[in-house]
Amino acid sequence: MIHIRSKPTEDKREYPDFITSEERDKVINALLKGTVNSESVILEYEDVPELKISPYQYMTVIEGLKEGGYIKENGYSHEYFPKDKLHKLREIGGFHGELILFQSQLEQLYLSLKDYDRNNMDKFFKSINTKLETVTKTHEVFELFKKAATVFIGD
């Protein structure tokens, strides 16, 4: 008997256009939870509870964590070894915590400005709002912060 493969069922779920810091933090939490009693964890897309990103976006997060030095991968498997850097990131609130800290620093800067400079800053942030929502790495956050400081405070 010849078995004919059927077409895989189409994924009808809707996924966001970009990966939020909250979704990245869900992956981080799953990685760390899986290594409480072990130095590594085998983690696949389906293992992360309440994940609202696509499997491709999940792999993008994993790749980013590897490139950022947060995890090490065992060959081409789904076995990951979290590094101390990942624990430190989670301790400060994960990627979402970094975003909140950045926003807080910007608010402090904003409050320290005069009315004229505040109006200019409002225009500036409206133009880069999308970038601020999708910032994922610490160095990107600080680069944006340095640009904003340069524009409104000077060199």
N, C-alpha and C. Protein backbone atom coordinates (compact mmCIF):
# COMPACT_ATOMS: atom_id res chain seq x y z
N MET A 1 0.83 -1.16 0.00
CA MET A 1 0.00 0.00 0.00
C MET A 1 0.89 1.24 0.00
N ILE A 2 0.60 2.18 -0.84
CA ILE A 2 1.36 3.41 -0.94
C ILE A 2 0.66 4.48 -0.11
N HIS A 3 1.44 5.08 0.81
CA HIS A 3 0.90 6.16 1.63
C HIS A 3 1.21 7.49 0.96
N ILE A 4 0.21 8.26 0.78
CA ILE A 4 0.40 9.58 0.20
C ILE A 4 0.29 10.60 1.32
N ARG A 5 1.31 11.43 1.38
CA ARG A 5 1.29 12.46 2.41
C ARG A 5 0.23 13.50 2.09
N SER A 6 -0.49 13.86 3.10
CA SER A 6 -1.48 14.91 2.90
C SER A 6 -0.85 16.26 3.22
N LYS A 7 -1.46 17.28 2.73
CA LYS A 7 -0.99 18.64 2.97
C LYS A 7 -1.13 18.95 4.46
N PRO A 8 -0.08 19.54 5.06
CA PRO A 8 -0.19 19.89 6.48
C PRO A 8 -1.33 20.88 6.68
N THR A 9 -1.96 20.78 7.83
CA THR A 9 -3.06 21.70 8.11
C THR A 9 -2.52 23.12 8.20
N GLU A 10 -3.29 24.03 7.65
CA GLU A 10 -2.87 25.41 7.62
C GLU A 10 -3.07 26.04 8.99
N ASP A 11 -2.07 26.81 9.43
CA ASP A 11 -2.14 27.50 10.70
C ASP A 11 -2.99 28.75 10.51
N LYS A 12 -4.16 28.76 11.11
CA LYS A 12 -5.10 29.87 10.93
C LYS A 12 -4.97 30.95 12.00
N ARG A 13 -4.07 30.74 12.94
CA ARG A 13 -3.89 31.75 13.98
C ARG A 13 -3.26 33.01 13.37
N GLU A 14 -3.57 34.13 13.99
CA GLU A 14 -2.97 35.39 13.56
C GLU A 14 -1.83 35.73 14.51
N TYR A 15 -0.72 36.13 13.91
CA TYR A 15 0.47 36.46 14.70
C TYR A 15 0.77 37.95 14.56
N PRO A 16 1.45 38.51 15.55
CA PRO A 16 1.79 39.94 15.47
C PRO A 16 2.82 40.20 14.36
N ASP A 17 2.90 41.45 13.95
CA ASP A 17 3.85 41.83 12.91
C ASP A 17 5.28 41.87 13.44
N PHE A 18 5.43 42.06 14.74
CA PHE A 18 6.76 42.09 15.33
C PHE A 18 6.72 41.38 16.68
N ILE A 19 7.89 41.04 17.17
CA ILE A 19 8.02 40.29 18.42
C ILE A 19 8.17 41.29 19.56
N THR A 20 7.26 41.22 20.52
CA THR A 20 7.32 42.15 21.65
C THR A 20 8.27 41.64 22.73
N SER A 21 8.62 42.54 23.61
CA SER A 21 9.49 42.18 24.73
C SER A 21 8.81 41.16 25.63
N GLU A 22 7.48 41.24 25.76
CA GLU A 22 6.76 40.28 26.59
C GLU A 22 6.88 38.85 26.05
N GLU A 23 6.81 38.71 24.72
CA GLU A 23 6.92 37.37 24.12
C GLU A 23 8.35 36.84 24.26
N ARG A 24 9.34 37.71 24.13
CA ARG A 24 10.73 37.29 24.34
C ARG A 24 10.91 36.80 25.78
N ASP A 25 10.30 37.51 26.70
CA ASP A 25 10.42 37.13 28.11
C ASP A 25 9.77 35.79 28.40
N LYS A 26 8.71 35.43 27.68
CA LYS A 26 8.09 34.11 27.86
C LYS A 26 9.08 33.01 27.48
N VAL A 27 9.85 33.24 26.42
CA VAL A 27 10.86 32.26 26.00
C VAL A 27 11.96 32.18 27.05
N ILE A 28 12.40 33.33 27.54
CA ILE A 28 13.43 33.36 28.59
C ILE A 28 12.95 32.59 29.82
N ASN A 29 11.73 32.86 30.24
CA ASN A 29 11.19 32.18 31.42
C ASN A 29 11.16 30.67 31.23
N ALA A 30 10.76 30.22 30.05
CA ALA A 30 10.70 28.78 29.78
C ALA A 30 12.10 28.17 29.79
N LEU A 31 13.07 28.88 29.25
CA LEU A 31 14.45 28.38 29.26
C LEU A 31 14.96 28.25 30.70
N LEU A 32 14.74 29.27 31.50
CA LEU A 32 15.24 29.25 32.87
C LEU A 32 14.49 28.25 33.74
N LYS A 33 13.19 28.13 33.54
CA LYS A 33 12.42 27.17 34.32
C LYS A 33 12.88 25.74 34.02
N GLY A 34 13.22 25.49 32.77
CA GLY A 34 13.67 24.15 32.38
C GLY A 34 15.04 23.78 32.88
N THR A 35 15.79 24.76 33.38
CA THR A 35 17.15 24.48 33.85
C THR A 35 17.30 24.66 35.36
N VAL A 36 16.22 24.62 36.08
CA VAL A 36 16.31 24.74 37.54
C VAL A 36 17.11 23.58 38.12
N ASN A 37 16.88 22.37 37.62
CA ASN A 37 17.57 21.18 38.13
C ASN A 37 18.48 20.55 37.10
N SER A 38 18.84 21.29 36.07
CA SER A 38 19.67 20.76 35.00
C SER A 38 20.45 21.91 34.38
N GLU A 39 21.58 21.58 33.75
CA GLU A 39 22.37 22.64 33.11
C GLU A 39 21.84 22.99 31.72
N SER A 40 20.96 22.15 31.18
CA SER A 40 20.42 22.42 29.85
C SER A 40 18.93 22.10 29.84
N VAL A 41 18.28 22.57 28.77
CA VAL A 41 16.86 22.30 28.59
C VAL A 41 16.61 22.05 27.12
N ILE A 42 15.75 21.08 26.84
CA ILE A 42 15.29 20.87 25.47
C ILE A 42 13.98 21.63 25.36
N LEU A 43 13.98 22.64 24.50
CA LEU A 43 12.84 23.54 24.41
C LEU A 43 12.43 23.71 22.96
N GLU A 44 11.17 23.48 22.71
CA GLU A 44 10.61 23.69 21.39
C GLU A 44 9.46 24.68 21.48
N TYR A 45 9.03 25.16 20.36
CA TYR A 45 7.98 26.17 20.28
C TYR A 45 6.76 25.80 21.12
N GLU A 46 6.33 24.56 21.02
CA GLU A 46 5.12 24.10 21.72
C GLU A 46 5.29 24.06 23.24
N ASP A 47 6.53 24.10 23.71
CA ASP A 47 6.81 24.01 25.14
C ASP A 47 6.64 25.33 25.89
N VAL A 48 6.53 26.42 25.14
CA VAL A 48 6.42 27.74 25.78
C VAL A 48 4.94 28.09 25.93
N PRO A 49 4.46 28.17 27.17
CA PRO A 49 3.04 28.42 27.39
C PRO A 49 2.60 29.82 26.94
N GLU A 50 1.41 29.86 26.36
CA GLU A 50 0.75 31.11 25.98
C GLU A 50 1.57 32.00 25.06
N LEU A 51 2.38 31.39 24.21
CA LEU A 51 3.20 32.15 23.27
C LEU A 51 2.33 32.64 22.12
N LYS A 52 2.40 33.92 21.81
CA LYS A 52 1.53 34.51 20.79
C LYS A 52 2.30 34.90 19.54
N ILE A 53 3.46 34.29 19.33
CA ILE A 53 4.23 34.53 18.11
C ILE A 53 4.29 33.25 17.30
N SER A 54 4.64 33.37 16.04
CA SER A 54 4.69 32.20 15.16
C SER A 54 5.92 31.35 15.45
N PRO A 55 5.93 30.11 14.98
CA PRO A 55 7.13 29.28 15.16
C PRO A 55 8.37 29.93 14.55
N TYR A 56 8.22 30.60 13.40
CA TYR A 56 9.36 31.28 12.80
C TYR A 56 9.84 32.42 13.71
N GLN A 57 8.92 33.18 14.27
CA GLN A 57 9.30 34.26 15.17
C GLN A 57 9.97 33.71 16.43
N TYR A 58 9.50 32.57 16.90
CA TYR A 58 10.12 31.90 18.05
C TYR A 58 11.59 31.59 17.75
N MET A 59 11.84 31.05 16.55
CA MET A 59 13.21 30.73 16.18
C MET A 59 14.06 32.01 16.05
N THR A 60 13.43 33.09 15.65
CA THR A 60 14.13 34.37 15.59
C THR A 60 14.57 34.80 16.99
N VAL A 61 13.70 34.60 17.97
CA VAL A 61 14.05 34.91 19.36
C VAL A 61 15.21 34.04 19.83
N ILE A 62 15.13 32.75 19.55
CA ILE A 62 16.21 31.82 19.94
C ILE A 62 17.53 32.24 19.29
N GLU A 63 17.50 32.57 18.01
CA GLU A 63 18.71 33.00 17.31
C GLU A 63 19.27 34.28 17.95
N GLY A 64 18.39 35.20 18.29
CA GLY A 64 18.82 36.43 18.95
C GLY A 64 19.46 36.17 20.30
N LEU A 65 18.90 35.23 21.04
CA LEU A 65 19.48 34.88 22.35
C LEU A 65 20.86 34.24 22.17
N LYS A 66 21.00 33.42 21.14
CA LYS A 66 22.32 32.81 20.87
C LYS A 66 23.33 33.88 20.46
N GLU A 67 22.93 34.73 19.52
CA GLU A 67 23.83 35.77 19.03
C GLU A 67 24.19 36.77 20.13
N GLY A 68 23.27 37.01 21.05
CA GLY A 68 23.52 37.93 22.16
C GLY A 68 24.35 37.33 23.27
N GLY A 69 24.65 36.03 23.17
CA GLY A 69 25.45 35.37 24.20
C GLY A 69 24.65 34.99 25.44
N TYR A 70 23.32 34.92 25.31
CA TYR A 70 22.48 34.55 26.44
C TYR A 70 22.35 33.03 26.60
N ILE A 71 22.40 32.32 25.48
CA ILE A 71 22.30 30.86 25.52
C ILE A 71 23.31 30.25 24.55
N LYS A 72 23.60 28.99 24.80
CA LYS A 72 24.45 28.20 23.90
C LYS A 72 23.61 27.02 23.44
N GLU A 73 23.75 26.65 22.19
CA GLU A 73 22.97 25.55 21.63
C GLU A 73 23.86 24.32 21.47
N ASN A 74 23.29 23.16 21.67
CA ASN A 74 24.02 21.90 21.50
C ASN A 74 23.85 21.44 20.05
N GLY A 75 24.80 21.78 19.21
CA GLY A 75 24.72 21.38 17.80
C GLY A 75 23.50 21.97 17.12
N TYR A 76 22.78 21.13 16.39
CA TYR A 76 21.57 21.58 15.70
C TYR A 76 20.31 21.10 16.42
N SER A 77 20.46 20.72 17.66
CA SER A 77 19.31 20.23 18.42
C SER A 77 18.56 21.41 19.03
N HIS A 78 17.54 21.11 19.78
CA HIS A 78 16.79 22.12 20.50
C HIS A 78 17.18 22.13 21.97
N GLU A 79 18.41 21.69 22.24
CA GLU A 79 18.94 21.70 23.61
C GLU A 79 19.73 22.98 23.82
N TYR A 80 19.37 23.72 24.86
CA TYR A 80 19.97 25.02 25.11
C TYR A 80 20.58 25.08 26.50
N PHE A 81 21.69 25.78 26.61
CA PHE A 81 22.40 25.97 27.86
C PHE A 81 22.37 27.46 28.20
N PRO A 82 21.48 27.88 29.10
CA PRO A 82 21.45 29.30 29.47
C PRO A 82 22.74 29.72 30.16
N LYS A 83 23.22 30.89 29.82
CA LYS A 83 24.43 31.44 30.44
C LYS A 83 24.03 32.41 31.54
N ASP A 84 24.99 32.78 32.34
CA ASP A 84 24.74 33.69 33.45
C ASP A 84 24.14 35.01 32.96
N LYS A 85 24.52 35.42 31.78
CA LYS A 85 24.01 36.65 31.19
C LYS A 85 22.47 36.62 31.08
N LEU A 86 21.90 35.46 30.81
CA LEU A 86 20.45 35.32 30.72
C LEU A 86 19.81 35.49 32.10
N HIS A 87 20.43 34.94 33.11
CA HIS A 87 19.92 35.10 34.48
C HIS A 87 19.95 36.58 34.90
N LYS A 88 21.03 37.27 34.54
CA LYS A 88 21.14 38.69 34.87
C LYS A 88 20.07 39.50 34.15
N LEU A 89 19.83 39.17 32.90
CA LEU A 89 18.79 39.86 32.14
C LEU A 89 17.43 39.66 32.80
N ARG A 90 17.14 38.44 33.21
CA ARG A 90 15.85 38.14 33.85
C ARG A 90 15.73 38.83 35.20
N GLU A 91 16.85 38.93 35.89
CA GLU A 91 16.84 39.58 37.21
C GLU A 91 16.42 41.05 37.11
N ILE A 92 16.79 41.71 36.03
CA ILE A 92 16.41 43.12 35.87
C ILE A 92 15.05 43.27 35.18
N GLY A 93 14.35 42.17 34.99
CA GLY A 93 13.01 42.25 34.40
C GLY A 93 12.93 41.79 32.97
N GLY A 94 14.00 41.21 32.45
CA GLY A 94 13.99 40.72 31.08
C GLY A 94 14.01 41.87 30.08
N PHE A 95 13.64 41.54 28.85
CA PHE A 95 13.61 42.55 27.80
C PHE A 95 12.55 43.61 28.09
N HIS A 96 11.45 43.19 28.68
CA HIS A 96 10.40 44.16 29.01
C HIS A 96 10.88 45.12 30.10
N GLY A 97 11.62 44.61 31.05
CA GLY A 97 12.19 45.46 32.09
C GLY A 97 13.15 46.49 31.52
N GLU A 98 13.97 46.08 30.53
CA GLU A 98 14.86 47.02 29.86
C GLU A 98 14.07 48.12 29.18
N LEU A 99 12.97 47.74 28.53
CA LEU A 99 12.14 48.71 27.82
C LEU A 99 11.51 49.69 28.81
N ILE A 100 11.02 49.19 29.92
CA ILE A 100 10.41 50.05 30.95
C ILE A 100 11.46 51.02 31.51
N LEU A 101 12.66 50.52 31.78
CA LEU A 101 13.74 51.37 32.29
C LEU A 101 14.07 52.47 31.29
N PHE A 102 14.18 52.11 30.04
CA PHE A 102 14.47 53.08 28.99
C PHE A 102 13.38 54.15 28.93
N GLN A 103 12.13 53.72 28.97
CA GLN A 103 11.03 54.68 28.93
C GLN A 103 11.06 55.60 30.14
N SER A 104 11.40 55.06 31.30
CA SER A 104 11.50 55.86 32.52
C SER A 104 12.60 56.91 32.39
N GLN A 105 13.73 56.51 31.83
CA GLN A 105 14.83 57.45 31.64
C GLN A 105 14.43 58.56 30.66
N LEU A 106 13.71 58.21 29.63
CA LEU A 106 13.25 59.22 28.68
C LEU A 106 12.26 60.17 29.33
N GLU A 107 11.39 59.65 30.18
CA GLU A 107 10.43 60.51 30.89
C GLU A 107 11.17 61.49 31.79
N GLN A 108 12.21 61.03 32.48
CA GLN A 108 13.00 61.92 33.33
C GLN A 108 13.67 63.01 32.51
N LEU A 109 14.20 62.63 31.37
CA LEU A 109 14.82 63.60 30.47
C LEU A 109 13.78 64.62 30.00
N TYR A 110 12.63 64.11 29.64
CA TYR A 110 11.54 64.96 29.15
C TYR A 110 11.13 65.98 30.21
N LEU A 111 10.98 65.52 31.44
CA LEU A 111 10.56 66.41 32.52
C LEU A 111 11.60 67.47 32.85
N SER A 112 12.85 67.19 32.53
CA SER A 112 13.92 68.15 32.83
C SER A 112 14.07 69.23 31.75
N LEU A 113 13.33 69.11 30.66
CA LEU A 113 13.45 70.06 29.55
C LEU A 113 12.51 71.25 29.70
N LYS A 114 12.84 72.33 29.02
CA LYS A 114 11.98 73.51 28.96
C LYS A 114 10.87 73.25 27.95
N ASP A 115 9.80 74.07 28.00
CA ASP A 115 8.64 73.88 27.12
C ASP A 115 9.01 73.80 25.65
N TYR A 116 9.87 74.69 25.18
CA TYR A 116 10.27 74.69 23.77
C TYR A 116 10.92 73.36 23.39
N ASP A 117 11.83 72.90 24.24
CA ASP A 117 12.51 71.63 23.98
C ASP A 117 11.56 70.45 24.07
N ARG A 118 10.56 70.52 24.96
CA ARG A 118 9.58 69.45 25.07
C ARG A 118 8.79 69.30 23.77
N ASN A 119 8.40 70.42 23.17
CA ASN A 119 7.67 70.36 21.90
C ASN A 119 8.52 69.70 20.82
N ASN A 120 9.79 70.05 20.76
CA ASN A 120 10.69 69.43 19.79
C ASN A 120 10.85 67.94 20.06
N MET A 121 10.94 67.59 21.34
CA MET A 121 11.10 66.18 21.71
C MET A 121 9.85 65.39 21.36
N ASP A 122 8.67 65.98 21.56
CA ASP A 122 7.42 65.31 21.19
C ASP A 122 7.42 64.96 19.71
N LYS A 123 7.84 65.90 18.89
CA LYS A 123 7.91 65.66 17.44
C LYS A 123 8.91 64.54 17.13
N PHE A 124 10.05 64.58 17.80
CA PHE A 124 11.09 63.59 17.58
C PHE A 124 10.58 62.18 17.91
N PHE A 125 9.93 62.02 19.06
CA PHE A 125 9.49 60.69 19.46
C PHE A 125 8.31 60.18 18.64
N LYS A 126 7.49 61.06 18.16
CA LYS A 126 6.43 60.62 17.26
C LYS A 126 7.02 60.02 15.99
N SER A 127 8.13 60.59 15.54
CA SER A 127 8.75 60.09 14.30
C SER A 127 9.46 58.75 14.49
N ILE A 128 9.89 58.43 15.72
CA ILE A 128 10.59 57.16 15.93
C ILE A 128 9.81 56.19 16.82
N ASN A 129 8.53 56.41 16.98
CA ASN A 129 7.71 55.57 17.86
C ASN A 129 7.82 54.09 17.51
N THR A 130 7.77 53.76 16.24
CA THR A 130 7.85 52.37 15.83
C THR A 130 9.16 51.75 16.24
N LYS A 131 10.25 52.49 16.10
CA LYS A 131 11.56 51.96 16.50
C LYS A 131 11.60 51.69 18.00
N LEU A 132 11.03 52.58 18.78
CA LEU A 132 11.04 52.39 20.24
C LEU A 132 10.27 51.15 20.64
N GLU A 133 9.18 50.84 19.94
CA GLU A 133 8.36 49.68 20.29
C GLU A 133 9.05 48.37 19.92
N THR A 134 9.96 48.40 18.97
CA THR A 134 10.58 47.16 18.50
C THR A 134 12.03 47.00 18.94
N VAL A 135 12.52 47.89 19.79
CA VAL A 135 13.90 47.77 20.27
C VAL A 135 14.03 46.48 21.07
N THR A 136 15.08 45.69 20.75
CA THR A 136 15.22 44.39 21.39
C THR A 136 16.55 44.20 22.09
N LYS A 137 17.53 45.02 21.80
CA LYS A 137 18.83 44.80 22.38
C LYS A 137 19.25 46.03 23.18
N THR A 138 19.98 45.79 24.23
CA THR A 138 20.39 46.87 25.11
C THR A 138 21.15 47.95 24.35
N HIS A 139 22.06 47.54 23.48
CA HIS A 139 22.85 48.55 22.78
C HIS A 139 21.98 49.40 21.86
N GLU A 140 20.91 48.84 21.31
CA GLU A 140 19.99 49.63 20.49
C GLU A 140 19.27 50.66 21.35
N VAL A 141 18.88 50.27 22.55
CA VAL A 141 18.21 51.18 23.47
C VAL A 141 19.12 52.36 23.78
N PHE A 142 20.36 52.07 24.12
CA PHE A 142 21.28 53.14 24.50
C PHE A 142 21.65 54.01 23.30
N GLU A 143 21.72 53.43 22.11
CA GLU A 143 21.99 54.23 20.92
C GLU A 143 20.85 55.23 20.69
N LEU A 144 19.61 54.77 20.82
CA LEU A 144 18.47 55.68 20.67
C LEU A 144 18.49 56.75 21.76
N PHE A 145 18.83 56.34 22.97
CA PHE A 145 18.88 57.30 24.07
C PHE A 145 19.97 58.36 23.82
N LYS A 146 21.13 57.92 23.33
CA LYS A 146 22.21 58.86 23.04
C LYS A 146 21.80 59.83 21.94
N LYS A 147 21.10 59.33 20.91
CA LYS A 147 20.64 60.21 19.83
C LYS A 147 19.67 61.25 20.37
N ALA A 148 18.74 60.80 21.22
CA ALA A 148 17.76 61.73 21.79
C ALA A 148 18.47 62.76 22.66
N ALA A 149 19.42 62.33 23.46
CA ALA A 149 20.14 63.26 24.33
C ALA A 149 20.94 64.26 23.50
N THR A 150 21.55 63.81 22.42
CA THR A 150 22.33 64.69 21.57
C THR A 150 21.44 65.75 20.92
N VAL A 151 20.27 65.34 20.49
CA VAL A 151 19.36 66.26 19.82
C VAL A 151 18.89 67.35 20.77
N PHE A 152 18.58 66.99 22.00
CA PHE A 152 17.95 67.96 22.91
C PHE A 152 18.88 68.59 23.94
N ILE A 153 19.98 67.96 24.21
CA ILE A 153 20.89 68.51 25.21
C ILE A 153 22.14 69.07 24.53
N GLY A 154 22.52 68.47 23.41
CA GLY A 154 23.73 68.89 22.71
C GLY A 154 24.84 67.92 22.98
N ASP A 155 25.95 68.14 22.30
CA ASP A 155 27.08 67.21 22.42
C ASP A 155 27.75 67.27 23.74
